[in-house]
Protein backbone atom coordinates (compact mmCIF):
# COMPACT_ATOMS: atom_id res chain seq x y z
CA MET A 1 -13.57 -0.58 -34.38
CA ARG A 2 -16.35 -2.91 -33.35
CA GLY A 3 -19.50 -1.84 -31.60
CA PHE A 4 -21.38 1.34 -32.33
CA VAL A 5 -21.52 5.06 -31.89
CA SER A 6 -24.21 6.13 -29.46
CA THR A 7 -25.64 9.61 -29.98
CA ILE A 8 -28.50 11.61 -28.57
CA ALA A 9 -30.73 13.21 -31.18
CA ALA A 10 -32.61 15.73 -29.10
CA ALA A 11 -34.01 19.08 -30.22
CA GLY A 12 -31.33 20.61 -32.36
CA LEU A 13 -28.31 18.84 -30.90
CA LEU A 14 -25.43 18.22 -33.28
CA LEU A 15 -22.99 15.35 -33.42
CA CYS A 16 -19.70 16.44 -31.90
CA SER A 17 -16.83 16.76 -34.32
CA PHE A 18 -13.22 16.35 -33.36
CA SER A 19 -9.73 16.49 -34.79
CA GLU A 20 -8.18 14.11 -37.28
CA PRO A 21 -6.83 10.84 -35.84
CA GLY A 22 -3.37 11.21 -34.32
CA ILE A 23 -3.40 15.01 -34.38
CA ALA A 24 -3.88 16.86 -31.11
CA LYS A 25 -6.29 19.77 -31.10
CA SER A 26 -4.90 23.29 -30.95
CA HIS A 27 -5.80 25.13 -27.77
CA THR A 28 -5.59 28.87 -27.15
CA SER A 29 -8.09 29.38 -24.32
CA ALA A 30 -6.62 30.95 -21.20
CA ALA A 31 -8.87 28.70 -19.12
CA THR A 32 -7.57 25.59 -20.91
CA THR A 33 -3.97 26.68 -20.45
CA ALA A 34 -4.55 27.31 -16.75
CA ALA A 35 -6.30 23.96 -16.23
CA ARG A 36 -3.54 22.07 -18.03
CA GLN A 37 -0.84 23.81 -16.05
CA LYS A 38 -2.70 22.99 -12.85
CA ILE A 39 -3.11 19.33 -13.74
CA PHE A 40 0.07 18.56 -15.71
CA GLY A 41 2.49 21.10 -14.19
CA LEU A 42 3.89 24.42 -15.33
CA ASP A 43 6.97 22.84 -16.90
CA ASN A 44 4.91 20.61 -19.16
CA VAL A 45 2.45 23.07 -20.74
CA ASP A 46 3.17 25.85 -23.23
CA PRO A 47 1.91 29.05 -21.53
CA LYS A 48 0.93 30.58 -24.87
CA THR A 49 -0.83 27.72 -26.64
CA GLY A 50 -1.88 25.40 -23.82
CA GLU A 51 -0.27 22.49 -25.64
CA VAL A 52 1.32 19.76 -23.53
CA ARG A 53 4.84 18.57 -24.26
CA ASP A 54 4.79 15.72 -26.75
CA ASP A 55 8.14 14.22 -25.70
CA ARG A 56 6.77 13.08 -22.34
CA VAL A 57 4.07 10.80 -21.00
CA ILE A 58 2.44 12.47 -18.00
CA PHE A 59 0.02 10.94 -15.51
CA SER A 60 -1.90 13.12 -13.07
CA TRP A 61 -4.14 11.50 -10.46
CA LEU A 62 -7.71 12.82 -10.22
CA THR A 63 -8.82 10.60 -7.26
CA ASN A 64 -9.83 6.95 -7.19
CA ALA A 65 -8.99 5.28 -10.55
CA SER A 66 -9.24 8.50 -12.59
CA PHE A 67 -6.18 9.98 -14.29
CA ALA A 68 -5.52 12.77 -16.72
CA VAL A 69 -2.85 11.61 -19.17
CA ALA A 70 -0.86 13.58 -21.71
CA VAL A 71 0.66 11.46 -24.47
CA LYS A 72 2.20 12.78 -27.68
CA GLY A 73 0.41 16.07 -27.04
CA ASN A 74 -3.01 14.42 -26.72
CA VAL A 75 -4.93 14.85 -23.48
CA LEU A 76 -6.85 11.80 -22.28
CA LEU A 77 -9.06 11.07 -19.30
CA LEU A 78 -8.96 7.56 -17.90
CA ASP A 79 -12.27 7.44 -15.99
CA THR A 80 -14.01 10.63 -14.91
CA TYR A 81 -15.31 9.98 -11.40
CA VAL A 82 -14.01 12.37 -8.75
CA THR A 83 -14.09 11.50 -5.05
CA ARG A 84 -15.65 14.23 -2.91
CA LEU A 85 -16.31 16.53 -5.82
CA GLU A 86 -17.42 19.83 -4.32
CA VAL A 87 -18.54 23.27 -5.45
CA GLN A 88 -15.28 24.79 -4.21
CA PRO A 89 -11.89 23.01 -4.08
CA GLY A 90 -11.49 21.20 -0.77
CA ARG A 91 -9.92 17.86 0.07
CA THR A 92 -10.12 17.32 -3.69
CA PRO A 93 -8.23 20.40 -4.94
CA PHE A 94 -10.20 21.01 -8.14
CA VAL A 95 -13.77 21.34 -9.38
CA ILE A 96 -15.65 19.91 -12.35
CA GLN A 97 -14.99 23.04 -14.41
CA ASP A 98 -11.26 22.29 -14.26
CA LEU A 99 -11.88 18.99 -16.07
CA VAL A 100 -14.04 20.75 -18.66
CA ASP A 101 -11.38 23.45 -19.13
CA LEU A 102 -8.74 20.74 -19.50
CA ASP A 103 -10.44 20.10 -22.86
CA PRO A 104 -9.58 16.40 -23.20
CA ASP A 105 -9.40 14.87 -26.65
CA TYR A 106 -10.71 11.45 -25.55
CA ILE A 107 -12.29 9.79 -22.52
CA PHE A 108 -11.71 6.10 -21.73
CA LEU A 109 -13.96 4.30 -19.26
CA GLY A 110 -12.82 1.07 -17.63
CA HIS A 111 -16.35 0.09 -16.64
CA GLY A 112 -19.69 1.70 -16.00
CA HIS A 113 -20.07 1.83 -12.22
CA PHE A 114 -20.67 5.29 -10.78
CA ASP A 115 -17.23 5.46 -9.12
CA HIS A 116 -15.69 5.35 -12.59
CA ALA A 117 -18.20 6.72 -15.11
CA ASP A 118 -19.79 9.59 -13.19
CA ASN A 119 -19.31 12.93 -15.00
CA ALA A 120 -18.22 11.32 -18.29
CA ALA A 121 -21.23 12.30 -20.40
CA TYR A 122 -21.21 15.80 -18.95
CA ILE A 123 -17.53 16.40 -19.70
CA ALA A 124 -17.91 14.91 -23.18
CA ALA A 125 -20.93 17.09 -23.88
CA GLN A 126 -19.11 20.24 -22.77
CA THR A 127 -15.89 19.53 -24.68
CA GLY A 128 -16.71 17.31 -27.65
CA ALA A 129 -14.39 14.58 -26.36
CA SER A 130 -15.24 11.12 -27.65
CA ILE A 131 -15.89 8.39 -25.07
CA PHE A 132 -14.61 4.83 -25.42
CA ALA A 133 -16.35 2.14 -23.35
CA SER A 134 -18.12 -1.17 -23.65
CA PRO A 135 -21.32 -0.95 -25.70
CA GLU A 136 -23.26 -1.70 -22.52
CA THR A 137 -21.66 1.28 -20.78
CA CYS A 138 -22.35 3.38 -23.87
CA ASP A 139 -26.03 2.62 -23.28
CA ASN A 140 -25.70 4.45 -19.98
CA MET A 141 -23.78 7.31 -21.58
CA ALA A 142 -26.75 7.84 -23.92
CA ILE A 143 -29.08 8.05 -20.91
CA ASP A 144 -26.68 10.44 -19.16
CA ALA A 145 -26.41 12.69 -22.20
CA GLN A 146 -30.18 12.94 -22.41
CA ASN A 147 -30.32 13.78 -18.70
CA ASN A 148 -27.75 16.52 -19.24
CA PHE A 149 -29.86 17.96 -22.03
CA ASN A 150 -33.02 17.78 -19.94
CA ASN A 151 -31.26 19.60 -17.12
CA HIS A 152 -30.20 22.40 -19.52
CA TYR A 153 -26.52 22.43 -18.62
CA THR A 154 -24.42 24.95 -20.53
CA ASN A 155 -23.18 24.00 -23.99
CA VAL A 156 -24.77 20.54 -24.02
CA LYS A 157 -24.08 18.72 -27.29
CA THR A 158 -24.59 15.17 -28.44
CA VAL A 159 -22.28 12.71 -26.70
CA THR A 160 -20.34 10.29 -28.90
CA CYS A 161 -19.59 6.96 -27.22
CA LYS A 162 -17.73 4.32 -29.20
CA GLY A 163 -18.54 0.80 -28.06
CA ILE A 164 -15.47 -1.45 -27.83
CA THR A 165 -15.75 -5.25 -28.04
CA SER A 166 -18.90 -6.99 -29.15
CA ARG A 167 -21.97 -6.84 -26.99
CA GLY A 168 -22.18 -9.95 -24.82
CA SER A 169 -18.73 -11.30 -25.76
CA LEU A 170 -16.74 -13.40 -23.32
CA PRO A 171 -13.84 -11.79 -21.44
CA GLY A 172 -10.63 -12.23 -23.42
CA SER A 173 -12.36 -13.44 -26.56
CA GLN A 174 -11.49 -10.27 -28.50
CA ILE A 175 -8.52 -7.92 -28.59
CA VAL A 176 -9.81 -4.78 -30.28
CA PRO A 177 -7.66 -1.97 -31.75
CA ILE A 178 -8.51 1.72 -31.43
CA HIS A 179 -7.01 3.68 -34.32
CA ASP A 180 -7.94 7.24 -33.36
CA LEU A 181 -4.43 8.15 -32.15
CA ASP A 182 -2.48 6.23 -34.80
CA PRO A 183 0.34 6.28 -35.70
CA GLN A 184 1.81 7.99 -32.63
CA VAL A 185 -0.16 5.99 -30.07
CA SER A 186 -1.62 2.55 -30.73
CA ILE A 187 -4.33 1.34 -28.37
CA THR A 188 -5.74 -2.13 -27.86
CA VAL A 189 -8.50 -3.19 -25.51
CA PHE A 190 -9.88 -6.44 -24.20
CA LYS A 191 -12.57 -7.34 -21.72
CA HIS A 192 -11.26 -8.77 -18.45
CA LEU A 193 -12.78 -9.57 -15.04
CA HIS A 194 -14.26 -7.11 -12.56
CA SER A 195 -13.29 -7.84 -8.97
CA THR A 196 -15.78 -9.79 -6.89
CA ASN A 197 -16.69 -10.76 -3.34
CA THR A 198 -18.89 -13.61 -4.57
CA GLY A 199 -16.25 -16.02 -5.81
CA VAL A 200 -13.72 -18.36 -4.19
CA THR A 201 -11.96 -17.55 -0.91
CA ASP A 202 -8.21 -18.18 -0.87
CA PRO A 203 -7.16 -19.51 2.56
CA HIS A 204 -3.53 -18.59 1.86
CA ALA A 205 -4.18 -14.92 1.04
CA VAL A 206 -3.73 -12.11 3.56
CA PRO A 207 -7.01 -10.19 3.61
CA ILE A 208 -7.58 -6.48 4.16
CA ALA A 209 -9.82 -6.04 7.19
CA ALA A 210 -12.63 -3.50 7.39
CA SER A 211 -13.37 -2.06 10.81
CA ALA A 212 -16.19 0.26 11.78
CA ALA A 213 -14.80 0.35 15.31
CA GLY A 214 -11.69 2.23 14.28
CA SER A 215 -9.12 -0.55 14.58
CA CYS A 216 -8.34 -3.89 13.00
CA LEU A 217 -7.95 -6.68 15.51
CA PRO A 218 -5.53 -9.62 15.35
CA THR A 219 -6.98 -13.02 14.54
CA PRO A 220 -5.75 -16.30 16.00
CA ALA A 221 -5.38 -17.83 12.54
CA GLN A 222 -2.91 -15.22 11.36
CA GLY A 223 -1.41 -14.16 14.69
CA ASN A 224 -1.06 -10.58 13.51
CA THR A 225 -3.04 -7.48 12.65
CA PHE A 226 -4.46 -7.34 9.17
CA PRO A 227 -3.97 -4.22 7.08
CA CYS A 228 -7.07 -2.08 7.52
CA ASN A 229 -9.44 -0.32 5.15
CA LEU A 230 -9.52 2.54 7.61
CA GLN A 231 -9.55 6.32 7.38
CA ASP A 232 -7.33 8.25 9.77
CA PRO A 233 -9.77 9.76 12.31
CA ARG A 234 -8.02 13.12 11.98
CA ASP A 235 -8.80 13.35 8.27
CA PRO A 236 -12.25 15.01 8.64
CA GLN A 237 -10.70 17.61 10.93
CA LEU A 238 -8.02 18.43 8.39
CA PHE A 239 -10.48 18.55 5.49
CA PRO A 240 -13.95 19.67 6.62
CA ALA A 241 -16.69 18.77 4.19
CA GLY A 242 -17.76 21.46 1.75
CA THR A 243 -20.83 21.67 -0.47
CA PRO A 244 -21.09 18.54 -2.63
CA LEU A 245 -21.52 19.31 -6.32
CA SER A 246 -24.25 16.66 -6.40
CA THR A 247 -26.49 18.94 -4.34
CA VAL A 248 -26.55 21.60 -7.05
CA MET A 249 -26.24 19.57 -10.28
CA ASN A 250 -26.71 15.92 -11.19
CA ILE A 251 -24.08 14.63 -13.59
CA ALA A 252 -23.92 11.11 -12.18
CA THR A 253 -24.13 8.12 -14.47
CA SER A 254 -27.21 5.97 -14.85
CA ARG A 255 -27.23 2.64 -13.01
CA GLN A 256 -29.56 0.90 -15.44
CA GLY A 257 -28.79 -2.20 -17.47
CA ALA A 258 -25.75 -4.45 -17.75
CA GLY A 259 -22.95 -1.93 -18.20
CA GLY A 260 -21.77 -1.65 -14.59
CA PRO A 261 -19.23 -4.46 -14.07
CA ILE A 262 -18.25 -5.10 -17.69
CA ALA A 263 -14.57 -4.26 -17.31
CA LEU A 264 -12.06 -3.26 -20.02
CA PHE A 265 -8.28 -3.50 -19.91
CA TYR A 266 -6.49 -0.81 -21.98
CA VAL A 267 -3.03 -1.05 -23.53
CA PHE A 268 -1.33 2.13 -24.82
CA THR A 269 1.83 1.83 -26.90
CA VAL A 270 3.52 5.18 -27.48
CA LYS A 271 5.87 5.57 -30.41
CA GLY A 272 9.42 6.38 -29.36
CA ASN A 273 11.05 9.63 -30.36
CA GLU A 274 12.84 9.95 -33.69
CA ASN A 275 16.14 8.69 -32.30
CA GLY A 276 14.95 5.10 -32.56
CA ARG A 277 13.93 4.58 -28.96
CA ASP A 278 11.71 1.62 -28.20
CA PRO A 279 8.03 2.39 -27.73
CA PHE A 280 6.73 3.21 -24.28
CA ARG A 281 3.90 0.94 -23.18
CA PHE A 282 1.51 1.47 -20.31
CA VAL A 283 -1.60 -0.40 -19.27
CA TRP A 284 -4.57 0.75 -17.22
CA HIS A 285 -7.26 -1.29 -15.50
CA ASN A 286 -9.63 0.18 -12.93
CA SER A 287 -10.67 -3.19 -11.51
CA THR A 288 -8.69 -6.35 -10.84
CA GLY A 289 -10.54 -9.63 -11.11
CA ASP A 290 -10.01 -13.19 -9.98
CA ILE A 291 -8.17 -14.78 -12.91
CA GLU A 292 -7.09 -17.72 -10.74
CA ASP A 293 -10.69 -18.91 -10.41
CA SER A 294 -12.26 -17.22 -13.49
CA CYS A 295 -14.67 -15.22 -11.33
CA ALA A 296 -16.03 -11.70 -11.74
CA LEU A 297 -18.72 -9.58 -10.14
CA PRO A 298 -22.12 -10.62 -11.49
CA ASN A 299 -24.63 -7.97 -12.47
CA ASN A 300 -27.77 -10.00 -12.10
CA ASN A 301 -30.79 -9.31 -14.28
CA PRO A 302 -33.64 -8.48 -11.87
CA THR A 303 -36.07 -10.33 -14.15
CA THR A 304 -34.19 -13.64 -14.25
CA GLY A 305 -31.84 -13.40 -11.26
CA LEU A 306 -29.01 -14.48 -13.56
CA PRO A 307 -26.01 -12.42 -14.70
CA PHE A 308 -26.22 -10.50 -17.97
CA GLU A 309 -22.86 -11.94 -19.04
CA PRO A 310 -23.10 -15.21 -21.03
CA GLY A 311 -21.55 -18.19 -19.29
CA GLN A 312 -21.50 -16.62 -15.82
CA ALA A 313 -22.95 -18.57 -12.93
CA ALA A 314 -25.02 -16.76 -10.33
CA ASN A 315 -21.88 -16.15 -8.24
CA GLY A 316 -20.08 -14.58 -11.21
CA CYS A 317 -17.71 -17.47 -11.96
CA PHE A 318 -17.37 -19.04 -15.41
CA PRO A 319 -17.50 -22.80 -14.66
CA GLY A 320 -16.42 -24.96 -17.57
CA VAL A 321 -16.29 -22.00 -19.99
CA THR A 322 -13.26 -21.92 -22.27
CA VAL A 323 -11.75 -19.31 -24.56
CA ASN A 324 -9.04 -20.39 -27.00
CA GLY A 325 -9.02 -23.78 -25.30
CA LYS A 326 -8.32 -22.34 -21.83
CA SER A 327 -10.39 -21.26 -18.87
CA VAL A 328 -11.50 -17.63 -18.98
CA GLY A 329 -8.90 -16.63 -16.38
CA ALA A 330 -6.06 -18.62 -17.93
CA ASN A 331 -6.75 -17.10 -21.34
CA LEU A 332 -6.64 -13.60 -19.81
CA ALA A 333 -3.35 -14.47 -18.15
CA SER A 334 -1.97 -15.49 -21.57
CA ILE A 335 -3.07 -12.20 -23.13
CA MET A 336 -1.34 -10.27 -20.35
CA GLU A 337 1.83 -12.36 -20.72
CA ASN A 338 1.97 -11.41 -24.39
CA LEU A 339 2.05 -7.73 -23.38
CA ALA A 340 4.99 -8.15 -21.04
CA PRO A 341 7.08 -6.38 -20.13
CA VAL A 342 5.40 -2.98 -19.90
CA ASN A 343 6.87 0.29 -18.68
CA VAL A 344 3.97 1.24 -16.42
CA GLU A 345 0.94 -0.52 -14.99
CA LEU A 346 -1.81 1.71 -13.58
CA GLY A 347 -3.67 -0.99 -11.70
CA SER A 348 -6.49 -1.19 -9.21
CA VAL A 349 -5.24 -2.43 -5.84
CA VAL A 350 -8.77 -2.76 -4.49
CA SER A 351 -10.77 -5.90 -5.05
CA LEU A 352 -14.30 -6.22 -3.76
CA GLY A 353 -13.03 -9.50 -2.35
CA PHE A 354 -10.45 -7.75 -0.19
CA ASN A 355 -11.62 -9.51 2.97
CA GLN A 356 -11.45 -12.89 1.18
CA ASN A 357 -8.28 -12.67 -0.90
CA GLY A 358 -6.68 -9.37 0.07
CA GLU A 359 -4.60 -8.09 -2.86
CA ARG A 360 -3.74 -11.51 -4.25
CA ASP A 361 -5.49 -10.78 -7.56
CA VAL A 362 -3.50 -7.55 -7.96
CA VAL A 363 -0.27 -9.50 -7.69
CA ASP A 364 -1.57 -12.04 -10.22
CA TYR A 365 -1.97 -9.28 -12.80
CA ILE A 366 1.50 -7.93 -12.03
CA GLN A 367 3.06 -11.37 -12.42
CA HIS A 368 1.68 -11.59 -15.96
CA VAL A 369 2.16 -7.98 -17.11
CA HIS A 370 5.66 -7.54 -15.60
CA PRO A 371 5.63 -3.73 -15.22
CA ARG A 372 8.80 -1.81 -14.52
CA TYR A 373 6.74 0.72 -12.57
CA PHE A 374 3.48 0.07 -10.75
CA ILE A 375 1.11 2.93 -9.88
CA PRO A 376 -1.93 1.96 -7.79
CA ASN A 377 -5.48 3.18 -8.28
CA HIS A 378 -8.92 2.74 -6.75
CA VAL A 379 -7.79 3.88 -3.30
CA THR A 380 -10.53 6.44 -2.54
CA ALA A 381 -13.73 4.51 -3.34
CA VAL A 382 -14.45 1.14 -1.72
CA ALA A 383 -11.12 1.92 -0.12
CA ASN A 384 -11.81 4.61 2.45
CA GLU A 385 -10.25 8.00 1.89
CA GLY A 386 -7.02 8.21 3.84
CA SER A 387 -6.51 4.42 3.85
CA SER A 388 -4.01 4.32 0.98
CA LEU A 389 -0.98 3.39 3.08
CA GLU A 390 -2.89 0.50 4.66
CA TRP A 391 -3.49 -0.83 1.16
CA LYS A 392 0.23 -0.46 0.51
CA VAL A 393 0.86 -2.75 3.49
CA GLY A 394 -1.63 -5.22 2.03
CA PHE A 395 0.09 -5.00 -1.34
CA SER A 396 3.45 -5.81 0.21
CA ASP A 397 1.91 -8.68 2.18
CA ALA A 398 0.39 -10.11 -1.00
CA LEU A 399 3.73 -10.00 -2.83
CA LYS A 400 5.38 -11.81 0.07
CA ALA A 401 2.57 -14.37 0.29
CA LYS A 402 3.26 -15.25 -3.36
CA ASN A 403 6.97 -15.75 -2.46
CA ILE A 404 8.08 -13.18 -5.00
CA PRO A 405 11.67 -12.06 -4.26
CA GLN A 406 11.81 -8.35 -3.55
CA ALA A 407 14.40 -7.92 -6.30
CA SER A 408 11.68 -8.98 -8.77
CA TRP A 409 9.08 -6.49 -7.56
CA PRO A 410 8.24 -3.58 -9.84
CA GLN A 411 9.31 -0.13 -8.74
CA ILE A 412 6.29 1.00 -6.76
CA LEU A 413 5.18 4.61 -7.21
CA TRP A 414 2.54 4.60 -4.49
CA ILE A 415 0.09 7.50 -4.42
CA VAL A 416 -1.54 8.78 -1.25
CA ASP A 417 -4.63 10.96 -1.07
CA PRO A 418 -4.92 13.88 -1.00
CA ASN A 419 -1.19 14.66 -1.20
CA ASP A 420 -0.72 13.21 -4.67
CA TYR A 421 -3.75 14.63 -6.44
CA LEU A 422 -2.60 16.74 -9.41
CA ARG A 423 1.01 15.73 -8.78
CA PRO A 424 2.38 14.88 -12.23
CA ILE A 425 4.22 11.60 -12.72
CA VAL A 426 6.41 12.26 -15.75
CA PHE A 427 8.20 9.86 -18.09
CA ASP A 428 10.61 11.24 -20.68
CA LEU A 429 10.28 9.28 -23.94
CA ASP A 430 14.03 9.68 -24.48
CA HIS A 431 14.70 8.08 -21.08
CA PRO A 432 11.63 5.91 -20.40
CA ASN A 433 13.19 4.04 -17.49
CA ASP A 434 13.49 7.22 -15.46
CA THR A 435 10.63 9.09 -13.86
CA HIS A 436 10.05 12.41 -12.16
CA PHE A 437 7.44 12.35 -9.40
């Protein structure tokens, strides 16, 4: 592991300890068992021990880009932000205590923006789960842990955040292993590109239109109606707003420093069962950048006006920068090609440049990763709640715009809020090409 371990040394706090690498913790708490059954399904959790079946890989959507994942009996959180997190279950059918009771072994953060990293330090402090993130995002986790301590939340401990990749490294310049779940699950990580609305507009892409007026209008250039980033107007009537958790406790992430848009791409390779099955590989990225033009969202230093990331121009692009003799984007494409094919891609279908390039960048990632199954994410932040099916239209349009034959498309397991929250997507390691949804 490169990077560092960030801890808070405040008034009697102790460094969290956790189980040996590759060995899931034993759980006997009734609350943990109930939370795991709620999130992973009754059929997948032992009612006596709370342990999750180790012959399956289970994904359970927790809003936006956040998933609970069970793999070889280990419980992971991929991001920790929860859209419309309330004091009582509402449109989002769980509360923060459910994620604490889930008792995750590890937390992985794709990048440090609030709509991904909120709640991470709090959950880690309550459970002892170790966080993996960029070192810049770990800086924010240290601030968040101190805030938790200062606010006197129950059971606050030191938060352990393991920085992945070297501070200030170029995207794609390192592929870093994480050994904590070896040998059952091998994990590798590399920095990629956060989506951006500051880069190059593609005149051939079909954009997603945003409309405050409640409809998306045709344009003469396209002669049709764009897919819309639009909430169904009946949604607020179906799901009246409750009391936001943020009004009674602050467990949001800090927005200081460079950690926000530094985006990580995670690769999980799960050892097959003892009958010699091939490993099951899934990838997760909670942002999808412009690898065609080597452009990413800049996080400009307020002192200099320039991005924190070396080599980035003010608009976030990497002009003339090469990695392994290739442009930044082309090198990332090569890394993704070397992963292919994968069983599952959990990929963001929302780019901040959605009104410039639509979902073109999403399709670029798919063309290099070659997933058998594609599961979207990031459809409840930036994307309006209730707009998921519009983004599915945009996704289909982007595939067609790239002239990809439908027979070559991945099997699309689209998820729609709030219907598919806590609805387990299950892969049997003995039959990894089949799924139960």
